[in-house]
Amino acid sequence: MGTALSPALAEDLRPNWGNCGWSATAGFLVTMIDWFGRTSGSVVECGSGLSTLLLAAVAAHTGRHVLTLEHDLQWAERVRRAVPKRLQSALEIALAPLRVYGDFDWYTVKGLTLAAPIGFVVCDGPPGSTRGGRYGLGPVLGPMLAQGCVVLVDDTHRAADRSAVERWQEELGARVVDEHGTHCVIQVGK
């Protein structure tokens, strides 16, 4: 696998993963692989699943490393078991429980090794029911994002996640550079 994923293959992968109700859409997966190939630097993924397996494959192929934040221990273990041995060195799935950060909740990153500058973020977590939605990415990871960092955000059809993108535009100097029905790509500081 290079840094391209056909929509047909992405669509075939989803039912084989066995989590279609929560799994990223084929369009999101295709966009993720496309933008991965346009970025450099470390990669952080918020929430794990089929996207984690694909990120591990392209990271191993390109010599990059992915840190995935997952709040649910059982789910993190399921994803870890699914990662082929040859890809494990390109991926770390970190258990990062949700915690309170003032007026929002987000992943605990204390004690984790986040290799700054971060060049690519895949944001498909935490769950939509989380207080503040995905907003916490900005204030928590913002200082570690490279100038020009690309952030792929899923579920931007939901009000809380659309609001997070709007706040990041203002607070991080980000701009939307690619938009699809349920997800968008923003670039920080360029």
Protein backbone atom coordinates (compact mmCIF):
# COMPACT_ATOMS: atom_id res chain seq x y z
CA MET A 1 0.00 0.00 0.00
CA GLY A 2 1.46 3.36 -0.98
CA THR A 3 -0.26 6.53 0.07
CA ALA A 4 -3.45 5.96 -1.92
CA LEU A 5 -6.62 4.08 -1.06
CA SER A 6 -9.38 3.47 -3.56
CA PRO A 7 -12.95 4.19 -2.48
CA ALA A 8 -13.92 0.62 -3.47
CA LEU A 9 -11.26 -0.94 -1.26
CA ALA A 10 -12.14 1.38 1.63
CA GLU A 11 -15.78 0.34 1.29
CA ASP A 12 -14.80 -3.35 1.29
CA LEU A 13 -12.67 -2.97 4.43
CA ARG A 14 -15.44 -1.54 6.62
CA PRO A 15 -17.68 -4.64 6.95
CA ASN A 16 -14.63 -6.88 7.38
CA TRP A 17 -13.59 -4.80 10.38
CA GLY A 18 -16.97 -5.59 11.94
CA ASN A 19 -17.81 -2.23 13.48
CA CYS A 20 -19.79 -0.51 10.72
CA GLY A 21 -22.01 1.40 13.13
CA TRP A 22 -19.03 3.31 14.53
CA SER A 23 -16.37 2.83 11.89
CA ALA A 24 -15.16 5.74 9.80
CA THR A 25 -16.81 6.05 6.40
CA ALA A 26 -15.02 4.96 3.25
CA GLY A 27 -14.79 8.62 2.23
CA PHE A 28 -13.12 9.54 5.51
CA LEU A 29 -10.60 6.70 5.14
CA VAL A 30 -9.74 7.71 1.56
CA THR A 31 -9.32 11.36 2.65
CA MET A 32 -7.14 10.25 5.59
CA ILE A 33 -4.72 8.28 3.42
CA ASP A 34 -4.62 11.03 0.80
CA TRP A 35 -3.74 13.74 3.34
CA PHE A 36 -1.29 11.49 5.21
CA GLY A 37 0.80 11.44 2.03
CA ARG A 38 0.83 15.26 1.90
CA THR A 39 2.14 15.74 5.43
CA SER A 40 5.32 15.12 7.38
CA GLY A 41 6.24 14.86 11.03
CA SER A 42 4.63 12.88 13.78
CA VAL A 43 1.04 11.65 13.57
CA VAL A 44 -1.58 11.65 16.33
CA GLU A 45 -4.90 9.88 16.03
CA CYS A 46 -7.80 10.61 18.39
CA GLY A 47 -9.92 7.46 18.72
CA SER A 48 -8.99 4.07 17.33
CA GLY A 49 -10.42 1.53 14.92
CA LEU A 50 -10.08 0.62 11.27
CA SER A 51 -8.41 3.97 10.66
CA THR A 52 -5.66 2.93 13.11
CA LEU A 53 -4.85 -0.18 11.08
CA LEU A 54 -4.62 1.84 7.87
CA LEU A 55 -2.50 4.54 9.51
CA ALA A 56 -0.13 1.88 10.86
CA ALA A 57 0.23 0.42 7.36
CA VAL A 58 1.09 3.72 5.67
CA ALA A 59 3.29 4.84 8.58
CA ALA A 60 5.30 1.62 8.40
CA HIS A 61 5.60 2.02 4.63
CA THR A 62 6.85 5.61 4.92
CA GLY A 63 8.96 5.34 8.09
CA ARG A 64 6.63 7.48 10.21
CA HIS A 65 5.08 6.76 13.59
CA VAL A 66 1.47 7.07 14.81
CA LEU A 67 0.37 7.71 18.39
CA THR A 68 -3.29 6.79 18.84
CA LEU A 69 -5.22 8.07 21.85
CA GLU A 70 -8.00 5.73 23.01
CA HIS A 71 -10.08 6.19 26.15
CA ASP A 72 -11.69 2.72 26.27
CA LEU A 73 -9.42 -0.08 27.53
CA GLN A 74 -11.36 -2.97 25.96
CA TRP A 75 -11.54 -1.23 22.59
CA ALA A 76 -7.82 -0.36 22.72
CA GLU A 77 -7.04 -4.03 23.36
CA ARG A 78 -9.23 -5.14 20.44
CA VAL A 79 -7.44 -2.76 18.08
CA ARG A 80 -3.99 -3.77 19.42
CA ARG A 81 -4.78 -7.44 18.74
CA ALA A 82 -5.78 -6.60 15.17
CA VAL A 83 -2.51 -4.82 14.28
CA PRO A 84 -0.24 -7.18 12.32
CA LYS A 85 3.13 -7.79 13.98
CA ARG A 86 5.05 -6.23 11.08
CA LEU A 87 3.21 -2.90 11.65
CA GLN A 88 3.45 -2.71 15.44
CA SER A 89 6.68 -0.69 15.51
CA ALA A 90 4.97 2.11 13.54
CA LEU A 91 2.13 2.47 16.04
CA GLU A 92 1.50 3.13 19.71
CA ILE A 93 -2.05 2.83 21.01
CA ALA A 94 -2.06 4.77 24.27
CA LEU A 95 -4.79 4.36 26.84
CA ALA A 96 -5.83 7.95 27.46
CA PRO A 97 -8.94 8.17 29.66
CA LEU A 98 -11.16 11.22 29.28
CA ARG A 99 -10.61 13.86 31.94
CA VAL A 100 -11.97 17.29 32.83
CA TYR A 101 -10.10 20.31 31.43
CA GLY A 102 -12.17 23.17 32.83
CA ASP A 103 -15.17 23.60 30.52
CA PHE A 104 -14.49 20.57 28.29
CA ASP A 105 -13.40 16.95 28.57
CA TRP A 106 -10.69 15.37 26.46
CA TYR A 107 -8.02 12.67 26.47
CA THR A 108 -5.46 12.53 29.28
CA VAL A 109 -2.07 13.15 27.68
CA LYS A 110 -0.03 13.51 30.87
CA GLY A 111 2.71 10.89 30.89
CA LEU A 112 2.49 10.24 27.15
CA THR A 113 5.36 10.91 24.78
CA LEU A 114 3.97 13.22 22.12
CA ALA A 115 6.66 13.84 19.52
CA ALA A 116 6.39 17.50 18.57
CA PRO A 117 6.00 18.98 16.13
CA ILE A 118 2.88 17.09 15.14
CA GLY A 119 2.32 17.26 11.39
CA PHE A 120 -0.91 15.29 10.96
CA VAL A 121 -3.86 14.67 13.29
CA VAL A 122 -6.77 12.33 12.60
CA CYS A 123 -9.60 13.37 14.90
CA ASP A 124 -12.40 10.80 15.10
CA GLY A 125 -12.71 10.89 18.88
CA PRO A 126 -13.60 11.29 21.63
CA PRO A 127 -17.23 10.17 21.30
CA GLY A 128 -19.85 12.74 20.35
CA SER A 129 -21.37 12.60 23.84
CA THR A 130 -18.16 13.99 25.34
CA ARG A 131 -18.56 17.40 26.97
CA GLY A 132 -17.11 19.88 24.48
CA GLY A 133 -17.05 17.32 21.66
CA ARG A 134 -13.66 17.30 19.98
CA TYR A 135 -12.77 20.86 20.95
CA GLY A 136 -10.10 19.73 23.44
CA LEU A 137 -7.70 18.90 20.62
CA GLY A 138 -7.02 22.62 20.13
CA PRO A 139 -6.14 23.70 23.64
CA VAL A 140 -4.44 20.42 24.64
CA LEU A 141 -2.42 19.62 21.49
CA GLY A 142 -2.30 23.13 19.97
CA PRO A 143 1.15 24.03 21.35
CA MET A 144 2.61 20.85 19.82
CA LEU A 145 1.13 21.29 16.32
CA ALA A 146 3.59 22.18 13.58
CA GLN A 147 3.03 25.29 11.54
CA GLY A 148 0.96 23.97 8.64
CA CYS A 149 -0.23 20.89 10.59
CA VAL A 150 -3.14 19.16 8.87
CA VAL A 151 -6.08 18.03 11.01
CA LEU A 152 -8.71 15.69 9.56
CA VAL A 153 -11.90 15.99 11.63
CA ASP A 154 -14.77 13.51 11.38
CA ASP A 155 -18.42 14.14 12.19
CA THR A 156 -18.40 17.84 11.33
CA HIS A 157 -22.09 17.54 10.50
CA ARG A 158 -22.65 17.51 14.28
CA ALA A 159 -23.04 20.94 15.85
CA ALA A 160 -20.43 20.43 18.60
CA ASP A 161 -17.77 19.25 16.17
CA ARG A 162 -18.54 22.01 13.66
CA SER A 163 -18.26 24.48 16.53
CA ALA A 164 -14.87 23.00 17.49
CA VAL A 165 -13.57 23.58 13.95
CA GLU A 166 -14.82 27.18 14.05
CA ARG A 167 -13.10 27.76 17.39
CA TRP A 168 -9.85 26.23 16.10
CA GLN A 169 -9.99 28.60 13.13
CA GLU A 170 -10.03 31.51 15.53
CA GLU A 171 -7.77 30.16 18.30
CA LEU A 172 -5.17 28.26 16.21
CA GLY A 173 -5.22 30.37 13.06
CA ALA A 174 -6.56 27.36 11.18
CA ARG A 175 -8.48 27.32 7.94
CA VAL A 176 -10.63 24.71 6.24
CA VAL A 177 -8.77 23.44 3.15
CA ASP A 178 -10.97 20.48 2.15
CA GLU A 179 -14.55 19.70 3.06
CA HIS A 180 -16.72 16.65 2.58
CA GLY A 181 -20.23 15.89 3.84
CA THR A 182 -19.34 14.58 7.29
CA HIS A 183 -15.68 15.49 7.63
CA CYS A 184 -13.28 18.30 6.84
CA VAL A 185 -9.57 19.00 6.70
CA ILE A 186 -8.10 22.05 8.38
CA GLN A 187 -4.60 23.42 8.24
CA VAL A 188 -3.12 25.20 11.25
CA GLY A 189 -1.34 28.51 10.87
CA LYS A 190 -0.96 28.68 7.11
